[in-house]
Amino acid sequence: MAVEPPPVEILPWLKSLPVAPEYHPTLSEFQDPIAYILKIEKEASAYGICKIVPPLPAAPKKTAFANLNKSFAARLSNPNSSPSTNPSPNSNSKRSPTFSTRHQQIGFCPRRPRPVQKPVWQSGDCYTLSQFEAKAKLFELSYLSKLAPAAAAAAA
């Protein structure tokens, strides 16, 4: 049995805001996206923000990863690219391209106050895309396994 989160109260001033427009251009209109944006600019600018849903289907996951790997490989072959994507530029071996991660502290424990000065961003590890995906899946499974007993206890 799923535990439903408590209802979120929407503040009154948020209720008074107008809903931003959402545009669904046709494929022919979206052939030139800049021209389409200029076409809707007058109406959309009244809201300050809008959503444009492209008429193109999302690329399959396999294609997206292949394109990402090509992009990483291009950076790997160019030693003048960002150093965070290429930890050892002198290596010309056929290894998988890597990228680095960053850790950001979010939240804190009120019982253990933070020091006055603390770095917000800390260097992370370097991963290949497949290593990062595997680590993300392990984290997801461990996180969900922690939630399952709590949900079962709440339902009982």
C-alpha atoms as a PDB file:
ATOM      1  CA  MET A   1       0.000   0.000   0.000  1.00  0.00           C
ATOM      2  CA  ALA A   2       1.437   3.349  -1.015  1.00  0.00           C
ATOM      3  CA  VAL A   3       1.617   6.131   1.516  1.00  0.00           C
ATOM      4  CA  GLU A   4       0.225   9.335   0.079  1.00  0.00           C
ATOM      5  CA  PRO A   5       2.162  12.521   0.786  1.00  0.00           C
ATOM      6  CA  PRO A   6       0.344  15.251   2.697  1.00  0.00           C
ATOM      7  CA  PRO A   7      -1.465  17.765   0.488  1.00  0.00           C
ATOM      8  CA  VAL A   8       0.671  20.741  -0.469  1.00  0.00           C
ATOM      9  CA  GLU A   9      -0.857  24.095   0.351  1.00  0.00           C
ATOM     10  CA  ILE A  10      -0.568  26.560  -2.527  1.00  0.00           C
ATOM     11  CA  LEU A  11       0.068  30.087  -1.346  1.00  0.00           C
ATOM     12  CA  PRO A  12      -2.605  32.653  -2.295  1.00  0.00           C
ATOM     13  CA  TRP A  13      -0.229  34.851  -4.294  1.00  0.00           C
ATOM     14  CA  LEU A  14       0.749  31.845  -6.410  1.00  0.00           C
ATOM     15  CA  LYS A  15      -2.913  31.180  -7.209  1.00  0.00           C
ATOM     16  CA  SER A  16      -3.251  34.702  -8.589  1.00  0.00           C
ATOM     17  CA  LEU A  17      -0.448  34.234 -11.143  1.00  0.00           C
ATOM     18  CA  PRO A  18      -1.578  33.569 -14.706  1.00  0.00           C
ATOM     19  CA  VAL A  19      -0.696  30.196 -16.186  1.00  0.00           C
ATOM     20  CA  ALA A  20       2.162  30.448 -18.681  1.00  0.00           C
ATOM     21  CA  PRO A  21       1.213  29.561 -22.255  1.00  0.00           C
ATOM     22  CA  GLU A  22       2.230  26.252 -23.768  1.00  0.00           C
ATOM     23  CA  TYR A  23       2.863  26.066 -27.509  1.00  0.00           C
ATOM     24  CA  HIS A  24       2.732  22.956 -29.709  1.00  0.00           C
ATOM     25  CA  PRO A  25       4.156  23.924 -33.118  1.00  0.00           C
ATOM     26  CA  THR A  26       3.698  21.736 -36.164  1.00  0.00           C
ATOM     27  CA  LEU A  27       6.698  20.117 -37.809  1.00  0.00           C
ATOM     28  CA  SER A  28       6.626  22.705 -40.610  1.00  0.00           C
ATOM     29  CA  GLU A  29       6.466  25.596 -38.103  1.00  0.00           C
ATOM     30  CA  PHE A  30       9.348  24.113 -36.137  1.00  0.00           C
ATOM     31  CA  GLN A  31      11.658  23.725 -39.153  1.00  0.00           C
ATOM     32  CA  ASP A  32      13.063  27.128 -38.154  1.00  0.00           C
ATOM     33  CA  PRO A  33      12.764  27.309 -34.329  1.00  0.00           C
ATOM     34  CA  ILE A  34      14.068  30.880 -34.128  1.00  0.00           C
ATOM     35  CA  ALA A  35      11.429  32.084 -36.595  1.00  0.00           C
ATOM     36  CA  TYR A  36       8.768  30.294 -34.519  1.00  0.00           C
ATOM     37  CA  ILE A  37      10.006  31.946 -31.320  1.00  0.00           C
ATOM     38  CA  LEU A  38       9.897  35.339 -33.011  1.00  0.00           C
ATOM     39  CA  LYS A  39       6.355  34.550 -34.180  1.00  0.00           C
ATOM     40  CA  ILE A  40       5.082  33.861 -30.631  1.00  0.00           C
ATOM     41  CA  GLU A  41       7.311  36.412 -28.901  1.00  0.00           C
ATOM     42  CA  LYS A  42       4.705  39.157 -28.518  1.00  0.00           C
ATOM     43  CA  GLU A  43       2.117  36.887 -26.881  1.00  0.00           C
ATOM     44  CA  ALA A  44       4.592  34.888 -24.776  1.00  0.00           C
ATOM     45  CA  SER A  45       6.514  37.928 -23.514  1.00  0.00           C
ATOM     46  CA  ALA A  46       3.428  39.105 -21.637  1.00  0.00           C
ATOM     47  CA  TYR A  47       3.896  36.112 -19.312  1.00  0.00           C
ATOM     48  CA  GLY A  48       7.680  36.284 -19.007  1.00  0.00           C
ATOM     49  CA  ILE A  49       7.961  32.561 -19.678  1.00  0.00           C
ATOM     50  CA  CYS A  50       6.417  29.952 -21.938  1.00  0.00           C
ATOM     51  CA  LYS A  51       6.786  26.295 -22.818  1.00  0.00           C
ATOM     52  CA  ILE A  52       7.406  25.156 -26.382  1.00  0.00           C
ATOM     53  CA  VAL A  53       6.825  21.445 -26.941  1.00  0.00           C
ATOM     54  CA  PRO A  54       8.739  20.392 -30.058  1.00  0.00           C
ATOM     55  CA  PRO A  55       6.880  18.132 -32.479  1.00  0.00           C
ATOM     56  CA  LEU A  56       9.835  15.758 -32.629  1.00  0.00           C
ATOM     57  CA  PRO A  57       9.690  12.434 -30.801  1.00  0.00           C
ATOM     58  CA  ALA A  58      12.258  11.878 -28.070  1.00  0.00           C
ATOM     59  CA  ALA A  59      15.326   9.956 -29.159  1.00  0.00           C
ATOM     60  CA  PRO A  60      15.540   6.372 -27.883  1.00  0.00           C
ATOM     61  CA  LYS A  61      17.805   5.883 -24.863  1.00  0.00           C
ATOM     62  CA  LYS A  62      20.287   3.872 -26.926  1.00  0.00           C
ATOM     63  CA  THR A  63      20.628   6.678 -29.489  1.00  0.00           C
ATOM     64  CA  ALA A  64      20.978   9.328 -26.796  1.00  0.00           C
ATOM     65  CA  PHE A  65      23.799   7.377 -25.115  1.00  0.00           C
ATOM     66  CA  ALA A  66      25.515   6.783 -28.466  1.00  0.00           C
ATOM     67  CA  ASN A  67      25.407  10.523 -29.211  1.00  0.00           C
ATOM     68  CA  LEU A  68      26.704  11.311 -25.725  1.00  0.00           C
ATOM     69  CA  ASN A  69      29.565   8.847 -26.143  1.00  0.00           C
ATOM     70  CA  LYS A  70      30.432  10.457 -29.508  1.00  0.00           C
ATOM     71  CA  SER A  71      30.498  13.844 -27.811  1.00  0.00           C
ATOM     72  CA  PHE A  72      32.767  12.531 -25.050  1.00  0.00           C
ATOM     73  CA  ALA A  73      35.008  10.845 -27.613  1.00  0.00           C
ATOM     74  CA  ALA A  74      35.355  14.129 -29.502  1.00  0.00           C
ATOM     75  CA  ARG A  75      36.410  15.858 -26.303  1.00  0.00           C
ATOM     76  CA  LEU A  76      38.803  13.015 -25.511  1.00  0.00           C
ATOM     77  CA  SER A  77      40.505  13.384 -28.887  1.00  0.00           C
ATOM     78  CA  ASN A  78      40.842  17.167 -28.396  1.00  0.00           C
ATOM     79  CA  PRO A  79      43.267  17.798 -25.503  1.00  0.00           C
ATOM     80  CA  ASN A  80      42.357  21.496 -25.438  1.00  0.00           C
ATOM     81  CA  SER A  81      38.840  20.681 -24.268  1.00  0.00           C
ATOM     82  CA  SER A  82      37.611  21.071 -20.708  1.00  0.00           C
ATOM     83  CA  PRO A  83      39.975  19.385 -18.214  1.00  0.00           C
ATOM     84  CA  SER A  84      37.099  17.949 -16.209  1.00  0.00           C
ATOM     85  CA  THR A  85      36.137  15.664 -19.094  1.00  0.00           C
ATOM     86  CA  ASN A  86      39.663  14.433 -19.732  1.00  0.00           C
ATOM     87  CA  PRO A  87      41.722  13.623 -16.649  1.00  0.00           C
ATOM     88  CA  SER A  88      44.820  12.479 -18.624  1.00  0.00           C
ATOM     89  CA  PRO A  89      45.063  14.293 -21.971  1.00  0.00           C
ATOM     90  CA  ASN A  90      48.401  12.673 -22.937  1.00  0.00           C
ATOM     91  CA  SER A  91      46.853   9.230 -23.143  1.00  0.00           C
ATOM     92  CA  ASN A  92      45.817   8.224 -26.673  1.00  0.00           C
ATOM     93  CA  SER A  93      44.538   4.761 -25.759  1.00  0.00           C
ATOM     94  CA  LYS A  94      41.144   3.373 -26.805  1.00  0.00           C
ATOM     95  CA  ARG A  95      39.538   3.780 -23.378  1.00  0.00           C
ATOM     96  CA  SER A  96      36.011   4.979 -22.751  1.00  0.00           C
ATOM     97  CA  PRO A  97      35.597   8.732 -22.326  1.00  0.00           C
ATOM     98  CA  THR A  98      35.058   9.894 -18.757  1.00  0.00           C
ATOM     99  CA  PHE A  99      33.491  12.866 -17.006  1.00  0.00           C
ATOM    100  CA  SER A 100      33.853  14.140 -13.480  1.00  0.00           C
ATOM    101  CA  THR A 101      31.111  14.726 -10.953  1.00  0.00           C
ATOM    102  CA  ARG A 102      30.679  17.328  -8.247  1.00  0.00           C
ATOM    103  CA  HIS A 103      29.147  16.936  -4.799  1.00  0.00           C
ATOM    104  CA  GLN A 104      26.942  19.693  -3.438  1.00  0.00           C
ATOM    105  CA  GLN A 105      25.907  19.846   0.193  1.00  0.00           C
ATOM    106  CA  ILE A 106      22.161  20.185   0.601  1.00  0.00           C
ATOM    107  CA  GLY A 107      20.438  20.545   3.913  1.00  0.00           C
ATOM    108  CA  PHE A 108      22.063  20.249   7.305  1.00  0.00           C
ATOM    109  CA  CYS A 109      21.396  18.732  10.694  1.00  0.00           C
ATOM    110  CA  PRO A 110      20.254  21.347  13.238  1.00  0.00           C
ATOM    111  CA  ARG A 111      21.927  19.349  16.036  1.00  0.00           C
ATOM    112  CA  ARG A 112      25.291  19.638  14.296  1.00  0.00           C
ATOM    113  CA  PRO A 113      25.587  23.203  13.020  1.00  0.00           C
ATOM    114  CA  ARG A 114      27.697  23.863   9.972  1.00  0.00           C
ATOM    115  CA  PRO A 115      31.047  25.604  10.243  1.00  0.00           C
ATOM    116  CA  VAL A 116      31.051  29.252   9.242  1.00  0.00           C
ATOM    117  CA  GLN A 117      32.967  28.598   6.027  1.00  0.00           C
ATOM    118  CA  LYS A 118      32.398  25.390   4.126  1.00  0.00           C
ATOM    119  CA  PRO A 119      32.969  24.659   0.438  1.00  0.00           C
ATOM    120  CA  VAL A 120      29.689  24.188  -1.354  1.00  0.00           C
ATOM    121  CA  TRP A 121      31.123  22.240  -4.285  1.00  0.00           C
ATOM    122  CA  GLN A 122      33.591  19.430  -3.740  1.00  0.00           C
ATOM    123  CA  SER A 123      35.341  17.442  -6.407  1.00  0.00           C
ATOM    124  CA  GLY A 124      33.793  14.101  -7.185  1.00  0.00           C
ATOM    125  CA  ASP A 125      35.004  11.020  -9.004  1.00  0.00           C
ATOM    126  CA  CYS A 126      35.579  10.372 -12.701  1.00  0.00           C
ATOM    127  CA  TYR A 127      33.187   7.929 -14.392  1.00  0.00           C
ATOM    128  CA  THR A 128      32.465   6.502 -17.777  1.00  0.00           C
ATOM    129  CA  LEU A 129      28.836   6.730 -18.781  1.00  0.00           C
ATOM    130  CA  SER A 130      28.219   3.026 -18.109  1.00  0.00           C
ATOM    131  CA  GLN A 131      29.935   3.216 -14.684  1.00  0.00           C
ATOM    132  CA  PHE A 132      27.834   6.212 -13.694  1.00  0.00           C
ATOM    133  CA  GLU A 133      24.618   4.537 -14.860  1.00  0.00           C
ATOM    134  CA  ALA A 134      25.476   1.382 -12.871  1.00  0.00           C
ATOM    135  CA  LYS A 135      26.225   3.430  -9.749  1.00  0.00           C
ATOM    136  CA  ALA A 136      22.976   5.385 -10.153  1.00  0.00           C
ATOM    137  CA  LYS A 137      20.979   2.144 -10.427  1.00  0.00           C
ATOM    138  CA  LEU A 138      22.648   0.743  -7.276  1.00  0.00           C
ATOM    139  CA  PHE A 139      21.859   3.947  -5.409  1.00  0.00           C
ATOM    140  CA  GLU A 140      18.250   3.848  -6.595  1.00  0.00           C
ATOM    141  CA  LEU A 141      17.840   0.245  -5.430  1.00  0.00           C
ATOM    142  CA  SER A 142      19.410   0.928  -2.029  1.00  0.00           C
ATOM    143  CA  TYR A 143      17.324   4.072  -1.578  1.00  0.00           C
ATOM    144  CA  LEU A 144      14.087   2.305  -2.516  1.00  0.00           C
ATOM    145  CA  SER A 145      14.897  -0.614  -0.207  1.00  0.00           C
ATOM    146  CA  LYS A 146      15.173   1.865   2.684  1.00  0.00           C
ATOM    147  CA  LEU A 147      11.799   3.364   1.786  1.00  0.00           C
ATOM    148  CA  ALA A 148       9.999   0.017   1.466  1.00  0.00           C
ATOM    149  CA  PRO A 149      10.199  -0.960   5.188  1.00  0.00           C
ATOM    150  CA  ALA A 150       9.091   2.527   6.244  1.00  0.00           C
ATOM    151  CA  ALA A 151       6.118   2.384   3.885  1.00  0.00           C
ATOM    152  CA  ALA A 152       5.192  -1.100   5.127  1.00  0.00           C
ATOM    153  CA  ALA A 153       5.397   0.048   8.763  1.00  0.00           C
ATOM    154  CA  ALA A 154       3.227   3.087   8.047  1.00  0.00           C
ATOM    155  CA  ALA A 155       0.612   0.939   6.316  1.00  0.00           C
ATOM    156  CA  ALA A 156       0.419  -1.494   9.225  1.00  0.00           C
END
